[in-house]
């Protein structure tokens, strides 16, 4: 990994996410500061066998949190209703996945409104699809995590990553953490392709629906001391370069 400028502090949050923190105080009006982070990741395609869904669950990632309102009475009741007649955690999570994929109306939102809002009429994007599946799982005592990252859909060798995306994984007996994507699964032809599968076009950036370091933001954030004429503009972009194995 290469980070510039090199004068930064490493910060680690409650989920284990790593951040480079920069201090740009004392800047003159009109100054531009550029931060660049280059890093290499390896992504693999994974398929999980849920035929033997027996074993113990873990005690982590089962509590409600901001945007994951798993203790909300409406979500608790829905999780119970969807779980009726489902004997295993795998069957329950599949019911949650199918419900979220089928019932939410996809739209683009400017903010993450969370699981409870997804049950309203405002429409949902990937953040609400993910938050609701995580909340339904946790409401049944099934551990579930929330990821934010990049969805790389360009098949060329070099492209801007224009799709920032969210998706969950759920802890299931025998397979452990098991990936899925209810947003992409909303298309009936893709439904099974994104359940209990991890496709290599998903690149994780952070874990957690609301990491404390980001203060409600996604991917990066900034703080400043406002004055009478303080204006700060923060622009960000991603670029993905495909590297052949072994290079």
C-alpha atoms as a PDB file:
ATOM      1  CA  UNK A   1       0.000   0.000   0.000  1.00  0.00           C
ATOM      2  CA  UNK A   2       1.187   3.523  -0.799  1.00  0.00           C
ATOM      3  CA  UNK A   3      -0.321   6.618   0.848  1.00  0.00           C
ATOM      4  CA  UNK A   4       0.504  10.227   0.036  1.00  0.00           C
ATOM      5  CA  UNK A   5       1.125  12.626   1.651  1.00  0.00           C
ATOM      6  CA  UNK A   6       3.110  10.417   4.001  1.00  0.00           C
ATOM      7  CA  UNK A   7       2.438  12.582   7.062  1.00  0.00           C
ATOM      8  CA  UNK A   8      -0.681  10.874   8.431  1.00  0.00           C
ATOM      9  CA  UNK A   9      -1.893   9.039  11.521  1.00  0.00           C
ATOM     10  CA  UNK A  10      -3.231   5.490  11.332  1.00  0.00           C
ATOM     11  CA  UNK A  11      -6.664   5.192  12.963  1.00  0.00           C
ATOM     12  CA  UNK A  12      -8.468   1.892  13.600  1.00  0.00           C
ATOM     13  CA  UNK A  13     -12.169   1.823  14.442  1.00  0.00           C
ATOM     14  CA  UNK A  14     -14.344  -0.609  16.387  1.00  0.00           C
ATOM     15  CA  UNK A  15     -14.771  -2.878  13.342  1.00  0.00           C
ATOM     16  CA  UNK A  16     -11.071  -3.061  12.544  1.00  0.00           C
ATOM     17  CA  UNK A  17     -11.298  -0.671   9.581  1.00  0.00           C
ATOM     18  CA  UNK A  18      -8.037   1.238   8.970  1.00  0.00           C
ATOM     19  CA  UNK A  19      -7.978   4.948   8.095  1.00  0.00           C
ATOM     20  CA  UNK A  20      -5.272   7.458   7.219  1.00  0.00           C
ATOM     21  CA  UNK A  21      -5.967  10.686   9.140  1.00  0.00           C
ATOM     22  CA  UNK A  22      -4.451  13.918   7.805  1.00  0.00           C
ATOM     23  CA  UNK A  23      -4.139  17.343   9.453  1.00  0.00           C
ATOM     24  CA  UNK A  24      -4.412  20.139   6.890  1.00  0.00           C
ATOM     25  CA  UNK A  25      -4.818  23.003   9.355  1.00  0.00           C
ATOM     26  CA  UNK A  26      -3.362  26.427   8.553  1.00  0.00           C
ATOM     27  CA  UNK A  27      -4.150  26.303   4.847  1.00  0.00           C
ATOM     28  CA  UNK A  28      -4.484  29.524   2.861  1.00  0.00           C
ATOM     29  CA  UNK A  29      -7.660  30.358   0.969  1.00  0.00           C
ATOM     30  CA  UNK A  30      -7.832  28.608  -2.382  1.00  0.00           C
ATOM     31  CA  UNK A  31      -5.447  25.826  -1.371  1.00  0.00           C
ATOM     32  CA  UNK A  32      -6.006  22.347  -2.766  1.00  0.00           C
ATOM     33  CA  UNK A  33      -4.723  19.235  -1.023  1.00  0.00           C
ATOM     34  CA  UNK A  34      -4.637  15.902  -2.819  1.00  0.00           C
ATOM     35  CA  UNK A  35      -4.647  12.581  -0.975  1.00  0.00           C
ATOM     36  CA  UNK A  36      -3.888   9.410  -2.914  1.00  0.00           C
ATOM     37  CA  UNK A  37      -4.041   5.846  -1.653  1.00  0.00           C
ATOM     38  CA  UNK A  38      -2.894   2.957  -3.849  1.00  0.00           C
ATOM     39  CA  UNK A  39      -3.476  -0.580  -2.657  1.00  0.00           C
ATOM     40  CA  UNK A  40      -3.788  -4.055  -4.098  1.00  0.00           C
ATOM     41  CA  UNK A  41      -6.558  -6.493  -3.275  1.00  0.00           C
ATOM     42  CA  UNK A  42      -7.247 -10.081  -4.270  1.00  0.00           C
ATOM     43  CA  UNK A  43     -10.869 -11.021  -4.897  1.00  0.00           C
ATOM     44  CA  UNK A  44     -12.163 -14.533  -5.426  1.00  0.00           C
ATOM     45  CA  UNK A  45     -15.440 -16.069  -6.460  1.00  0.00           C
ATOM     46  CA  UNK A  46     -16.919 -18.186  -3.687  1.00  0.00           C
ATOM     47  CA  UNK A  47     -19.930 -20.499  -3.561  1.00  0.00           C
ATOM     48  CA  UNK A  48     -21.225 -21.867  -0.262  1.00  0.00           C
ATOM     49  CA  UNK A  49     -22.822 -25.280   0.265  1.00  0.00           C
ATOM     50  CA  UNK A  50     -25.797 -24.843   2.606  1.00  0.00           C
ATOM     51  CA  UNK A  51     -26.978 -28.455   2.421  1.00  0.00           C
ATOM     52  CA  UNK A  52     -25.747 -29.217   5.957  1.00  0.00           C
ATOM     53  CA  UNK A  53     -27.017 -26.202   7.877  1.00  0.00           C
ATOM     54  CA  UNK A  54     -26.248 -27.472  11.374  1.00  0.00           C
ATOM     55  CA  UNK A  55     -24.014 -26.097  14.077  1.00  0.00           C
ATOM     56  CA  UNK A  56     -23.647 -23.228  16.499  1.00  0.00           C
ATOM     57  CA  UNK A  57     -23.926 -19.527  15.781  1.00  0.00           C
ATOM     58  CA  UNK A  58     -21.612 -16.891  17.228  1.00  0.00           C
ATOM     59  CA  UNK A  59     -22.547 -14.063  19.586  1.00  0.00           C
ATOM     60  CA  UNK A  60     -21.117 -11.188  17.537  1.00  0.00           C
ATOM     61  CA  UNK A  61     -23.017  -8.887  15.157  1.00  0.00           C
ATOM     62  CA  UNK A  62     -26.455  -9.635  16.601  1.00  0.00           C
ATOM     63  CA  UNK A  63     -27.233  -6.297  18.311  1.00  0.00           C
ATOM     64  CA  UNK A  64     -29.147  -3.331  16.861  1.00  0.00           C
ATOM     65  CA  UNK A  65     -27.193  -0.241  15.840  1.00  0.00           C
ATOM     66  CA  UNK A  66     -27.681   2.942  13.847  1.00  0.00           C
ATOM     67  CA  UNK A  67     -29.528   2.082  10.598  1.00  0.00           C
ATOM     68  CA  UNK A  68     -29.786  -1.586  11.688  1.00  0.00           C
ATOM     69  CA  UNK A  69     -32.946  -1.383  13.821  1.00  0.00           C
ATOM     70  CA  UNK A  70     -33.229  -5.092  14.567  1.00  0.00           C
ATOM     71  CA  UNK A  71     -35.118  -4.436  17.834  1.00  0.00           C
ATOM     72  CA  UNK A  72     -37.797  -2.369  16.089  1.00  0.00           C
ATOM     73  CA  UNK A  73     -41.185  -4.078  16.696  1.00  0.00           C
ATOM     74  CA  UNK A  74     -42.123  -3.982  13.013  1.00  0.00           C
ATOM     75  CA  UNK A  75     -38.848  -5.630  11.997  1.00  0.00           C
ATOM     76  CA  UNK A  76     -39.049  -8.188  14.816  1.00  0.00           C
ATOM     77  CA  UNK A  77     -42.596  -9.117  13.772  1.00  0.00           C
ATOM     78  CA  UNK A  78     -41.634  -9.388  10.108  1.00  0.00           C
ATOM     79  CA  UNK A  79     -38.607 -11.569  10.893  1.00  0.00           C
ATOM     80  CA  UNK A  80     -40.809 -13.853  12.987  1.00  0.00           C
ATOM     81  CA  UNK A  81     -43.440 -14.075  10.250  1.00  0.00           C
ATOM     82  CA  UNK A  82     -40.906 -14.845   7.523  1.00  0.00           C
ATOM     83  CA  UNK A  83     -39.227 -17.472   9.729  1.00  0.00           C
ATOM     84  CA  UNK A  84     -42.433 -19.381  10.396  1.00  0.00           C
ATOM     85  CA  UNK A  85     -42.040 -22.974   9.237  1.00  0.00           C
ATOM     86  CA  UNK A  86     -38.337 -22.512   8.457  1.00  0.00           C
ATOM     87  CA  UNK A  87     -36.390 -25.081  10.480  1.00  0.00           C
ATOM     88  CA  UNK A  88     -32.831 -23.845   9.947  1.00  0.00           C
ATOM     89  CA  UNK A  89     -31.011 -20.524   9.976  1.00  0.00           C
ATOM     90  CA  UNK A  90     -30.191 -21.058   6.291  1.00  0.00           C
ATOM     91  CA  UNK A  91     -33.869 -21.361   5.406  1.00  0.00           C
ATOM     92  CA  UNK A  92     -34.703 -18.293   7.471  1.00  0.00           C
ATOM     93  CA  UNK A  93     -32.028 -16.154   5.841  1.00  0.00           C
ATOM     94  CA  UNK A  94     -33.130 -17.321   2.386  1.00  0.00           C
ATOM     95  CA  UNK A  95     -36.649 -16.168   3.270  1.00  0.00           C
ATOM     96  CA  UNK A  96     -35.268 -12.773   4.354  1.00  0.00           C
ATOM     97  CA  UNK A  97     -33.214 -12.522   1.165  1.00  0.00           C
ATOM     98  CA  UNK A  98     -36.193 -13.350  -1.054  1.00  0.00           C
ATOM     99  CA  UNK A  99     -38.415 -10.872   0.790  1.00  0.00           C
ATOM    100  CA  UNK A 100     -35.936  -8.000   0.535  1.00  0.00           C
ATOM    101  CA  UNK A 101     -35.178  -8.745  -3.119  1.00  0.00           C
ATOM    102  CA  UNK A 102     -38.863  -9.047  -4.028  1.00  0.00           C
ATOM    103  CA  UNK A 103     -40.610  -6.431  -1.928  1.00  0.00           C
ATOM    104  CA  UNK A 104     -38.382  -3.353  -1.885  1.00  0.00           C
ATOM    105  CA  UNK A 105     -38.738  -0.812  -4.685  1.00  0.00           C
ATOM    106  CA  UNK A 106     -35.324   0.206  -5.973  1.00  0.00           C
ATOM    107  CA  UNK A 107     -34.456   3.888  -6.207  1.00  0.00           C
ATOM    108  CA  UNK A 108     -31.376   6.056  -5.661  1.00  0.00           C
ATOM    109  CA  UNK A 109     -31.222   7.791  -2.282  1.00  0.00           C
ATOM    110  CA  UNK A 110     -28.828  10.530  -1.238  1.00  0.00           C
ATOM    111  CA  UNK A 111     -28.322   9.064   2.243  1.00  0.00           C
ATOM    112  CA  UNK A 112     -28.469   5.787   4.148  1.00  0.00           C
ATOM    113  CA  UNK A 113     -31.914   5.741   5.755  1.00  0.00           C
ATOM    114  CA  UNK A 114     -31.630   2.294   7.295  1.00  0.00           C
ATOM    115  CA  UNK A 115     -33.704  -0.832   7.752  1.00  0.00           C
ATOM    116  CA  UNK A 116     -36.817   0.701   9.291  1.00  0.00           C
ATOM    117  CA  UNK A 117     -37.150   3.268   6.501  1.00  0.00           C
ATOM    118  CA  UNK A 118     -36.922   0.466   3.942  1.00  0.00           C
ATOM    119  CA  UNK A 119     -40.327  -0.753   5.110  1.00  0.00           C
ATOM    120  CA  UNK A 120     -41.887   2.589   4.175  1.00  0.00           C
ATOM    121  CA  UNK A 121     -42.807   3.988   0.782  1.00  0.00           C
ATOM    122  CA  UNK A 122     -39.733   6.116   0.048  1.00  0.00           C
ATOM    123  CA  UNK A 123     -37.928   3.480  -2.010  1.00  0.00           C
ATOM    124  CA  UNK A 124     -34.600   1.795  -1.309  1.00  0.00           C
ATOM    125  CA  UNK A 125     -31.118   1.539  -2.743  1.00  0.00           C
ATOM    126  CA  UNK A 126     -28.326  -0.882  -1.858  1.00  0.00           C
ATOM    127  CA  UNK A 127     -27.891   0.607   1.626  1.00  0.00           C
ATOM    128  CA  UNK A 128     -31.514  -0.052   2.595  1.00  0.00           C
ATOM    129  CA  UNK A 129     -31.572  -3.489   0.937  1.00  0.00           C
ATOM    130  CA  UNK A 130     -28.501  -4.431   2.961  1.00  0.00           C
ATOM    131  CA  UNK A 131     -29.637  -2.814   6.213  1.00  0.00           C
ATOM    132  CA  UNK A 132     -32.996  -4.589   6.145  1.00  0.00           C
ATOM    133  CA  UNK A 133     -31.523  -8.029   5.469  1.00  0.00           C
ATOM    134  CA  UNK A 134     -28.996  -7.514   8.262  1.00  0.00           C
ATOM    135  CA  UNK A 135     -31.710  -6.292  10.654  1.00  0.00           C
ATOM    136  CA  UNK A 136     -34.064  -9.194   9.897  1.00  0.00           C
ATOM    137  CA  UNK A 137     -31.254 -11.681  10.480  1.00  0.00           C
ATOM    138  CA  UNK A 138     -30.198 -10.080  13.758  1.00  0.00           C
ATOM    139  CA  UNK A 139     -33.820  -9.953  14.911  1.00  0.00           C
ATOM    140  CA  UNK A 140     -33.772 -13.765  14.735  1.00  0.00           C
ATOM    141  CA  UNK A 141     -30.423 -13.980  16.529  1.00  0.00           C
ATOM    142  CA  UNK A 142     -28.502 -14.724  13.330  1.00  0.00           C
ATOM    143  CA  UNK A 143     -25.234 -12.739  13.066  1.00  0.00           C
ATOM    144  CA  UNK A 144     -25.054 -10.453  10.039  1.00  0.00           C
ATOM    145  CA  UNK A 145     -22.600  -7.793   8.853  1.00  0.00           C
ATOM    146  CA  UNK A 146     -22.855  -4.722   6.632  1.00  0.00           C
ATOM    147  CA  UNK A 147     -20.187  -3.934   4.013  1.00  0.00           C
ATOM    148  CA  UNK A 148     -19.542  -0.890   1.868  1.00  0.00           C
ATOM    149  CA  UNK A 149     -17.233  -1.042  -1.098  1.00  0.00           C
ATOM    150  CA  UNK A 150     -17.060  -0.949  -4.864  1.00  0.00           C
ATOM    151  CA  UNK A 151     -18.978  -2.855  -7.491  1.00  0.00           C
ATOM    152  CA  UNK A 152     -16.736  -3.286 -10.518  1.00  0.00           C
ATOM    153  CA  UNK A 153     -18.883  -3.936 -13.567  1.00  0.00           C
ATOM    154  CA  UNK A 154     -16.498  -2.864 -16.333  1.00  0.00           C
ATOM    155  CA  UNK A 155     -14.873  -5.838 -18.047  1.00  0.00           C
ATOM    156  CA  UNK A 156     -11.953  -3.850 -19.453  1.00  0.00           C
ATOM    157  CA  UNK A 157      -8.478  -3.697 -17.976  1.00  0.00           C
ATOM    158  CA  UNK A 158      -8.669  -0.153 -16.604  1.00  0.00           C
ATOM    159  CA  UNK A 159     -11.761   1.742 -15.501  1.00  0.00           C
ATOM    160  CA  UNK A 160     -13.136   4.185 -13.003  1.00  0.00           C
ATOM    161  CA  UNK A 161     -15.193   2.482 -10.328  1.00  0.00           C
ATOM    162  CA  UNK A 162     -18.367   4.489 -10.570  1.00  0.00           C
ATOM    163  CA  UNK A 163     -20.581   2.293  -8.430  1.00  0.00           C
ATOM    164  CA  UNK A 164     -20.177   2.567  -4.666  1.00  0.00           C
ATOM    165  CA  UNK A 165     -22.148  -0.315  -3.243  1.00  0.00           C
ATOM    166  CA  UNK A 166     -23.328  -1.996  -0.040  1.00  0.00           C
ATOM    167  CA  UNK A 167     -23.999  -5.683   0.608  1.00  0.00           C
ATOM    168  CA  UNK A 168     -24.222  -8.058   3.599  1.00  0.00           C
ATOM    169  CA  UNK A 169     -22.900 -11.351   4.751  1.00  0.00           C
ATOM    170  CA  UNK A 170     -24.566 -13.614   7.295  1.00  0.00           C
ATOM    171  CA  UNK A 171     -23.047 -16.157   9.675  1.00  0.00           C
ATOM    172  CA  UNK A 172     -24.580 -19.573   9.003  1.00  0.00           C
ATOM    173  CA  UNK A 173     -23.874 -22.968  10.580  1.00  0.00           C
ATOM    174  CA  UNK A 174     -21.245 -25.057   8.750  1.00  0.00           C
ATOM    175  CA  UNK A 175     -20.289 -22.294   6.268  1.00  0.00           C
ATOM    176  CA  UNK A 176     -19.591 -19.406   8.661  1.00  0.00           C
ATOM    177  CA  UNK A 177     -19.700 -15.945   7.088  1.00  0.00           C
ATOM    178  CA  UNK A 178     -21.715 -16.341   3.902  1.00  0.00           C
ATOM    179  CA  UNK A 179     -21.969 -13.593   1.280  1.00  0.00           C
ATOM    180  CA  UNK A 180     -25.050 -12.449  -0.622  1.00  0.00           C
ATOM    181  CA  UNK A 181     -26.311  -9.382  -2.451  1.00  0.00           C
ATOM    182  CA  UNK A 182     -30.070  -8.751  -2.266  1.00  0.00           C
ATOM    183  CA  UNK A 183     -29.796  -5.582  -4.364  1.00  0.00           C
ATOM    184  CA  UNK A 184     -28.434  -7.401  -7.406  1.00  0.00           C
ATOM    185  CA  UNK A 185     -30.680 -10.326  -6.524  1.00  0.00           C
ATOM    186  CA  UNK A 186     -33.780  -8.163  -6.982  1.00  0.00           C
ATOM    187  CA  UNK A 187     -33.693  -9.156 -10.656  1.00  0.00           C
ATOM    188  CA  UNK A 188     -35.394 -12.589 -10.778  1.00  0.00           C
ATOM    189  CA  UNK A 189     -32.879 -13.986 -13.278  1.00  0.00           C
ATOM    190  CA  UNK A 190     -30.050 -13.095 -10.864  1.00  0.00           C
ATOM    191  CA  UNK A 191     -31.767 -14.203  -7.656  1.00  0.00           C
ATOM    192  CA  UNK A 192     -29.884 -17.446  -7.031  1.00  0.00           C
ATOM    193  CA  UNK A 193     -26.600 -16.138  -8.454  1.00  0.00           C
ATOM    194  CA  UNK A 194     -26.228 -13.690  -5.562  1.00  0.00           C
ATOM    195  CA  UNK A 195     -27.385 -15.838  -2.637  1.00  0.00           C
ATOM    196  CA  UNK A 196     -24.673 -17.736  -0.743  1.00  0.00           C
ATOM    197  CA  UNK A 197     -22.174 -16.598  -3.361  1.00  0.00           C
ATOM    198  CA  UNK A 198     -19.402 -14.016  -3.454  1.00  0.00           C
ATOM    199  CA  UNK A 199     -18.701 -12.673  -6.917  1.00  0.00           C
ATOM    200  CA  UNK A 200     -15.252 -11.175  -7.646  1.00  0.00           C
ATOM    201  CA  UNK A 201     -16.729  -7.853  -8.777  1.00  0.00           C
ATOM    202  CA  UNK A 202     -17.302  -6.883  -5.108  1.00  0.00           C
ATOM    203  CA  UNK A 203     -14.383  -5.066  -3.452  1.00  0.00           C
ATOM    204  CA  UNK A 204     -14.737  -4.405   0.290  1.00  0.00           C
ATOM    205  CA  UNK A 205     -13.713  -0.983   1.610  1.00  0.00           C
ATOM    206  CA  UNK A 206     -15.311  -0.847   5.079  1.00  0.00           C
ATOM    207  CA  UNK A 207     -17.338  -3.040   7.395  1.00  0.00           C
ATOM    208  CA  UNK A 208     -20.148  -1.606   9.510  1.00  0.00           C
ATOM    209  CA  UNK A 209     -23.285   0.409   8.805  1.00  0.00           C
ATOM    210  CA  UNK A 210     -22.022   3.433  10.717  1.00  0.00           C
ATOM    211  CA  UNK A 211     -18.349   3.249  11.788  1.00  0.00           C
ATOM    212  CA  UNK A 212     -17.679   5.837  14.492  1.00  0.00           C
ATOM    213  CA  UNK A 213     -14.638   7.300  12.721  1.00  0.00           C
ATOM    214  CA  UNK A 214     -16.712   8.243   9.667  1.00  0.00           C
ATOM    215  CA  UNK A 215     -19.336  10.094  11.762  1.00  0.00           C
ATOM    216  CA  UNK A 216     -22.226   9.068   9.566  1.00  0.00           C
ATOM    217  CA  UNK A 217     -20.376   9.349   6.266  1.00  0.00           C
ATOM    218  CA  UNK A 218     -19.214   6.608   3.917  1.00  0.00           C
ATOM    219  CA  UNK A 219     -15.635   5.875   2.792  1.00  0.00           C
ATOM    220  CA  UNK A 220     -14.136   9.175   4.049  1.00  0.00           C
ATOM    221  CA  UNK A 221     -15.034  12.201   6.157  1.00  0.00           C
ATOM    222  CA  UNK A 222     -13.602  15.578   7.182  1.00  0.00           C
ATOM    223  CA  UNK A 223     -13.763  17.997  10.110  1.00  0.00           C
ATOM    224  CA  UNK A 224     -13.070  21.721  10.114  1.00  0.00           C
ATOM    225  CA  UNK A 225     -13.456  24.822  12.266  1.00  0.00           C
ATOM    226  CA  UNK A 226     -16.093  26.957  10.510  1.00  0.00           C
ATOM    227  CA  UNK A 227     -15.634  30.677  10.133  1.00  0.00           C
ATOM    228  CA  UNK A 228     -17.662  33.438   8.569  1.00  0.00           C
ATOM    229  CA  UNK A 229     -16.472  32.538   5.079  1.00  0.00           C
ATOM    230  CA  UNK A 230     -15.243  28.953   5.447  1.00  0.00           C
ATOM    231  CA  UNK A 231     -16.009  26.757   2.467  1.00  0.00           C
ATOM    232  CA  UNK A 232     -14.522  23.320   1.973  1.00  0.00           C
ATOM    233  CA  UNK A 233     -15.205  21.080  -0.989  1.00  0.00           C
ATOM    234  CA  UNK A 234     -14.227  17.429  -0.862  1.00  0.00           C
ATOM    235  CA  UNK A 235     -14.153  15.425  -4.088  1.00  0.00           C
ATOM    236  CA  UNK A 236     -13.297  11.758  -4.314  1.00  0.00           C
ATOM    237  CA  UNK A 237     -12.921   9.149  -7.022  1.00  0.00           C
ATOM    238  CA  UNK A 238     -11.850   5.537  -7.422  1.00  0.00           C
ATOM    239  CA  UNK A 239      -9.832   3.897 -10.148  1.00  0.00           C
ATOM    240  CA  UNK A 240      -9.393   0.164 -10.601  1.00  0.00           C
ATOM    241  CA  UNK A 241      -6.573  -1.404 -12.589  1.00  0.00           C
ATOM    242  CA  UNK A 242      -6.688  -5.124 -13.245  1.00  0.00           C
ATOM    243  CA  UNK A 243      -3.396  -6.893 -12.528  1.00  0.00           C
ATOM    244  CA  UNK A 244      -2.618 -10.367 -13.784  1.00  0.00           C
ATOM    245  CA  UNK A 245      -1.925 -12.996 -11.160  1.00  0.00           C
ATOM    246  CA  UNK A 246       1.774 -13.191 -10.354  1.00  0.00           C
ATOM    247  CA  UNK A 247       2.612  -9.589 -11.229  1.00  0.00           C
END
